[in-house]
Protein backbone atom coordinates (compact mmCIF):
# COMPACT_ATOMS: atom_id res chain seq x y z
CA MET A 1 -28.14 -38.99 -0.25
CA LYS A 2 -25.72 -36.61 -1.57
CA LYS A 3 -26.63 -34.23 1.31
CA ASP A 4 -26.55 -37.43 3.84
CA LEU A 5 -23.15 -38.25 2.37
CA GLU A 6 -21.83 -34.64 2.86
CA THR A 7 -23.11 -35.03 6.66
CA GLU A 8 -21.23 -38.15 6.92
CA ASP A 9 -18.11 -36.77 5.63
CA LEU A 10 -17.77 -34.27 8.13
CA ARG A 11 -18.67 -36.84 10.76
CA GLY A 12 -15.88 -38.91 9.40
CA ARG A 13 -13.18 -36.02 8.99
CA LEU A 14 -14.03 -35.30 12.80
CA SER A 15 -13.74 -38.91 13.51
CA THR A 16 -10.48 -39.31 11.91
CA LYS A 17 -8.89 -36.66 13.92
CA GLY A 18 -10.21 -37.97 17.01
CA GLY A 19 -8.99 -41.87 16.00
CA ASN A 20 -5.55 -40.23 15.32
CA ASP A 21 -5.33 -38.43 18.48
CA ALA A 22 -6.74 -41.67 20.43
CA THR A 23 -4.20 -43.66 18.33
CA SER A 24 -1.26 -41.61 19.27
CA LEU A 25 -2.02 -41.91 22.79
CA ARG A 26 -1.00 -45.58 22.45
CA PHE A 27 2.45 -44.53 22.19
CA ILE A 28 2.36 -43.26 25.76
CA ASP A 29 -0.31 -44.85 27.59
CA SER A 30 1.04 -48.61 28.82
CA LEU A 31 -2.59 -49.49 29.82
CA TRP A 32 -4.12 -48.86 26.49
CA LYS A 33 -5.00 -52.39 25.91
CA LEU A 34 -6.85 -52.93 29.12
CA LYS A 35 -8.69 -49.64 28.28
CA TRP A 36 -9.68 -51.03 24.95
CA PHE A 37 -11.02 -54.46 26.57
CA LEU A 38 -12.58 -52.36 29.31
CA ASN A 39 -13.96 -49.94 26.70
CA ILE A 40 -12.96 -46.78 28.87
CA GLY A 41 -11.20 -43.49 27.93
CA SER A 42 -9.30 -42.78 25.10
CA GLN A 43 -10.09 -46.04 23.84
CA THR A 44 -13.88 -45.63 23.92
CA ARG A 45 -13.42 -42.39 21.98
CA LEU A 46 -11.45 -44.47 19.52
CA LYS A 47 -14.10 -47.18 18.84
CA LYS A 48 -16.59 -44.29 18.30
CA SER A 49 -14.56 -42.93 15.78
CA ILE A 50 -13.95 -46.24 13.95
CA ALA A 51 -17.59 -47.17 14.01
CA THR A 52 -18.39 -43.42 12.53
CA ILE A 53 -15.57 -43.89 9.94
CA ASP A 54 -16.81 -47.34 8.84
CA LYS A 55 -20.64 -46.11 8.40
CA PHE A 56 -19.27 -43.32 6.29
CA VAL A 57 -17.21 -45.60 4.04
CA TYR A 58 -19.67 -48.46 3.59
CA ARG A 59 -22.50 -45.66 2.54
CA LEU A 60 -19.95 -44.58 0.03
CA ILE A 61 -19.38 -47.75 -1.42
CA ILE A 62 -23.15 -48.49 -1.62
CA THR A 63 -23.50 -45.11 -3.30
CA LYS A 64 -20.90 -45.66 -5.97
CA ARG A 65 -22.14 -49.37 -6.59
CA LYS A 66 -25.47 -47.93 -7.58
CA GLU A 67 -23.71 -45.07 -9.49
CA GLN A 68 -21.89 -47.51 -11.64
CA ASN A 69 -25.10 -48.81 -13.50
CA THR A 70 -25.77 -45.12 -14.67
CA ALA A 71 -22.14 -43.75 -15.47
CA VAL A 72 -18.69 -44.34 -16.07
CA ARG A 73 -16.64 -42.84 -13.28
CA GLU A 74 -12.76 -42.55 -13.48
CA ASP A 75 -12.20 -42.31 -9.67
CA ILE A 76 -10.20 -44.74 -7.74
CA LEU A 77 -12.95 -46.37 -5.84
CA SER A 78 -15.08 -46.84 -9.17
CA ARG A 79 -12.22 -48.53 -10.78
CA PHE A 80 -11.69 -50.97 -7.76
CA LEU A 81 -15.62 -51.78 -8.20
CA VAL A 82 -15.06 -53.04 -11.46
CA GLU A 83 -11.85 -54.91 -10.63
CA ARG A 84 -14.09 -56.53 -7.51
CA GLU A 85 -16.20 -58.10 -10.20
CA LYS A 86 -13.29 -60.30 -11.26
CA ASP A 87 -12.83 -61.63 -7.60
CA PRO A 88 -15.80 -60.53 -5.34
CA GLU A 89 -14.99 -62.92 -2.51
CA ARG A 90 -11.37 -61.61 -2.05
CA MET A 91 -12.23 -57.91 -2.96
CA ASN A 92 -15.54 -57.48 -0.32
CA ASP A 93 -16.45 -54.32 1.12
CA LYS A 94 -14.19 -54.83 4.07
CA TYR A 95 -11.07 -55.09 1.63
CA LEU A 96 -12.33 -51.74 -0.20
CA ARG A 97 -13.00 -50.19 2.99
CA ASP A 98 -9.44 -50.55 3.84
CA ILE A 99 -8.38 -49.43 0.49
CA ILE A 100 -10.45 -45.92 1.25
CA LEU A 101 -9.01 -45.77 4.44
CA SER A 102 -5.33 -45.93 3.31
CA PHE A 103 -6.26 -42.97 0.77
CA MET A 104 -7.95 -40.89 3.43
CA ILE A 105 -5.52 -41.36 6.46
CA ALA A 106 -2.26 -41.96 4.93
CA GLY A 107 -2.67 -39.58 2.00
CA LYS A 108 -3.87 -36.61 3.07
CA ASP A 109 -1.57 -34.92 5.58
CA THR A 110 1.54 -36.03 3.50
CA THR A 111 0.01 -34.65 0.04
CA ALA A 112 -0.53 -31.31 1.49
CA ALA A 113 2.86 -31.06 3.30
CA SER A 114 4.58 -32.08 0.02
CA LEU A 115 2.50 -29.95 -2.00
CA SER A 116 2.85 -26.71 0.49
CA TRP A 117 6.65 -27.29 0.19
CA PHE A 118 6.55 -27.75 -3.44
CA LEU A 119 4.85 -24.40 -4.11
CA TYR A 120 6.99 -22.87 -1.50
CA MET A 121 9.99 -23.82 -3.39
CA LEU A 122 8.46 -22.56 -6.79
CA CYS A 123 8.00 -19.01 -5.20
CA LYS A 124 11.56 -19.01 -3.93
CA ASN A 125 12.88 -20.43 -7.50
CA PRO A 126 11.32 -18.47 -10.16
CA LEU A 127 13.51 -19.59 -12.74
CA VAL A 128 12.23 -23.30 -11.84
CA GLN A 129 8.69 -22.05 -11.97
CA GLU A 130 9.15 -20.55 -15.48
CA LYS A 131 10.83 -23.87 -16.75
CA ILE A 132 7.63 -25.96 -15.49
CA VAL A 133 5.34 -23.75 -16.96
CA ARG A 134 7.17 -23.76 -20.12
CA GLU A 135 7.29 -27.67 -20.36
CA ILE A 136 3.49 -27.88 -19.19
CA ARG A 137 2.54 -25.75 -22.15
CA ASP A 138 4.93 -27.45 -24.80
CA VAL A 139 3.47 -31.05 -23.55
CA THR A 140 -0.30 -29.94 -23.75
CA SER A 141 0.26 -27.78 -26.69
CA SER A 142 -1.12 -24.86 -24.96
CA HIS A 143 1.27 -21.91 -25.77
CA GLU A 144 -1.57 -19.28 -25.18
CA GLU A 145 -1.66 -17.38 -22.08
CA THR A 146 -4.58 -18.39 -20.22
CA THR A 147 -6.51 -17.98 -16.93
CA ASP A 148 -8.57 -20.52 -17.47
CA VAL A 149 -7.28 -23.32 -14.99
CA LYS A 150 -10.03 -25.87 -15.72
CA GLY A 151 -9.49 -25.90 -19.16
CA SER A 152 -5.89 -26.30 -18.93
CA VAL A 153 -6.22 -29.29 -16.35
CA GLU A 154 -8.49 -31.06 -18.86
CA ASN A 155 -5.59 -31.47 -21.11
CA ILE A 156 -3.30 -33.11 -18.37
CA ASP A 157 -3.75 -36.90 -18.22
CA GLU A 158 -1.06 -39.81 -17.27
CA GLU A 159 0.31 -39.89 -20.68
CA ALA A 160 0.96 -36.24 -20.50
CA LEU A 161 2.50 -36.34 -17.01
CA ASP A 162 4.85 -38.82 -18.24
CA GLU A 163 6.52 -36.45 -20.48
CA MET A 164 7.01 -33.75 -17.99
CA GLN A 165 10.56 -34.64 -16.97
CA TYR A 166 11.20 -31.24 -15.47
CA LEU A 167 8.24 -31.33 -13.22
CA HIS A 168 8.88 -34.62 -12.18
CA ALA A 169 12.43 -33.69 -11.16
CA ALA A 170 11.22 -30.61 -9.23
CA LEU A 171 8.61 -32.54 -7.29
CA SER A 172 11.47 -35.35 -6.51
CA GLU A 173 13.94 -32.53 -5.41
CA THR A 174 11.44 -30.92 -3.09
CA LEU A 175 10.59 -34.53 -1.60
CA ARG A 176 14.44 -34.91 -1.29
CA LEU A 177 14.99 -31.66 0.85
CA TYR A 178 11.57 -31.61 2.67
CA PRO A 179 10.11 -35.35 2.95
CA ALA A 180 6.64 -35.88 3.99
CA VAL A 181 7.58 -37.85 6.95
CA PRO A 182 11.09 -36.53 7.83
CA VAL A 183 11.46 -39.06 11.06
CA ASP A 184 10.90 -42.76 10.79
CA THR A 185 11.30 -45.99 12.43
CA ARG A 186 11.55 -49.53 11.62
CA CYS A 187 11.58 -52.94 14.01
CA ALA A 188 14.16 -55.34 13.80
CA GLU A 189 12.56 -58.76 12.89
CA ASN A 190 15.89 -60.70 13.79
CA ASP A 191 19.13 -59.77 15.31
CA ASP A 192 21.31 -57.86 12.93
CA VAL A 193 24.56 -55.66 12.64
CA LEU A 194 24.23 -52.08 10.97
CA PRO A 195 26.89 -50.78 8.42
CA ASP A 196 28.94 -48.88 11.32
CA GLY A 197 29.04 -52.20 13.12
CA HIS A 198 26.28 -51.41 15.85
CA ARG A 199 24.40 -54.44 17.01
CA VAL A 200 20.69 -54.51 16.59
CA LYS A 201 18.64 -57.01 18.83
CA ARG A 202 15.13 -58.67 17.55
CA GLY A 203 12.46 -56.33 18.45
CA ASP A 204 14.69 -53.17 18.49
CA ASN A 205 13.21 -49.97 17.11
CA VAL A 206 15.56 -48.07 14.73
CA TYR A 207 14.85 -44.46 13.88
CA TYR A 208 16.23 -42.64 11.40
CA ILE A 209 16.02 -39.30 10.02
CA SER A 210 15.29 -38.91 6.16
CA TYR A 211 15.45 -35.15 6.25
CA ALA A 212 18.91 -35.30 7.40
CA ILE A 213 19.63 -37.97 4.91
CA GLY A 214 18.36 -35.59 1.97
CA THR A 215 20.88 -33.09 2.63
CA MET A 216 24.10 -35.19 3.54
CA THR A 217 26.98 -33.81 1.21
CA TYR A 218 28.57 -37.39 0.99
CA ILE A 219 25.33 -38.72 -0.12
CA TRP A 220 24.16 -35.72 -2.62
CA GLY A 221 27.21 -33.84 -3.15
CA GLN A 222 28.52 -30.37 -2.00
CA GLN A 223 25.17 -28.76 -3.31
CA ALA A 224 23.06 -31.31 -1.31
CA GLU A 225 21.21 -28.33 0.28
CA GLU A 226 20.42 -26.52 -2.72
CA PHE A 227 17.04 -26.76 -4.79
CA LYS A 228 18.36 -28.13 -8.01
CA PRO A 229 16.10 -30.19 -10.21
CA GLU A 230 18.55 -30.55 -12.90
CA ARG A 231 20.33 -33.25 -10.41
CA TRP A 232 17.53 -35.48 -11.31
CA LEU A 233 18.13 -35.08 -15.30
CA LYS A 234 20.30 -36.44 -17.70
CA ASP A 235 20.13 -35.27 -21.39
CA GLY A 236 16.67 -33.71 -20.13
CA VAL A 237 15.26 -37.21 -19.03
CA PHE A 238 14.32 -37.89 -15.43
CA GLN A 239 16.95 -40.45 -13.77
CA PRO A 240 15.41 -42.14 -10.70
CA GLU A 241 17.84 -42.67 -7.58
CA SER A 242 17.93 -45.56 -5.74
CA PRO A 243 15.50 -45.81 -2.97
CA PHE A 244 18.10 -46.33 -0.48
CA LYS A 245 19.53 -42.91 -1.58
CA PHE A 246 16.36 -41.25 -2.20
CA ILE A 247 14.89 -42.23 1.44
CA SER A 248 11.50 -40.22 1.09
CA PHE A 249 9.41 -42.96 0.25
CA HIS A 250 11.25 -45.16 2.97
CA VAL A 251 12.92 -47.70 0.95
CA CYS A 252 9.37 -48.68 -0.92
CA THR A 253 9.98 -51.65 -2.89
CA HIS A 254 8.51 -49.93 -5.75
CA SER A 255 9.67 -46.49 -5.11
CA LEU A 256 12.82 -46.84 -7.94
CA SER A 257 10.22 -47.04 -10.79
CA LEU A 258 7.79 -44.44 -9.48
CA SER A 259 6.53 -42.10 -12.71
CA LEU A 260 5.23 -38.98 -12.18
CA PRO A 261 1.71 -39.78 -11.80
CA ASP A 262 2.59 -41.87 -8.85
CA VAL A 263 4.24 -38.77 -7.43
CA VAL A 264 1.71 -36.47 -8.08
CA VAL A 265 -1.04 -37.14 -5.73
CA LYS A 266 -4.50 -36.58 -6.89
CA SER A 267 -7.11 -34.58 -5.15
CA GLU A 268 -9.83 -35.81 -2.86
CA ASP A 269 -12.36 -35.66 -5.78
CA PHE A 270 -10.19 -38.10 -7.69
CA LEU A 271 -11.01 -40.65 -5.02
CA PHE A 272 -14.41 -40.08 -4.44
């Protein structure tokens, strides 16, 4: 079964890429709805990709459901399977599939990009790197020099992450300067007027550049372009900014109260 899942996982990854490519074409192909109806061209590939991904995800759900009887797992899917017992009608397999796809598709590239920029900034700012290492050692009470990465990681849980104020600040500062989605758009539900007086009609698309907003001096001060985690701290405690100022999460309604475990994205093993 494990080997079968690994094979399906590979097919699923390839199908995800193919599905993304076919979906992107909808922005420039005005005939995509007709192609979908007639099952031709890029929309045929999209349908095949969806079928392959669905097959992989549903098999994963079945496998996890069987494992529930033999072991306690801490991954996200297993937790949702436990919650499903409270409301099986609403949290059916289709509901679980949608949750998994959200993590697979929406969290994969953004996580990789954010962590890459974070490591890049640490390489450019060795003093920040030293402060983070010192904080991790203080929180985990691991003051000895060690190369045992696995052993160190085992000492880090959500409670420990909540105590890592400087790490939280450094991650937020990275996302401010290098948001995972540097350009985004919103569609107006009703006629409106922007703060600068520009009128927007219902159905208009409004684009905004979160990358530029993160470096505007009249929002973040004269040192807006500098990597400075300390701007997020007051007396050593992390201070969240308004989601309308810290736009990297695109005005998510709960981004104001994001804790470090919310910001630090777990690896794919945490999901599966």
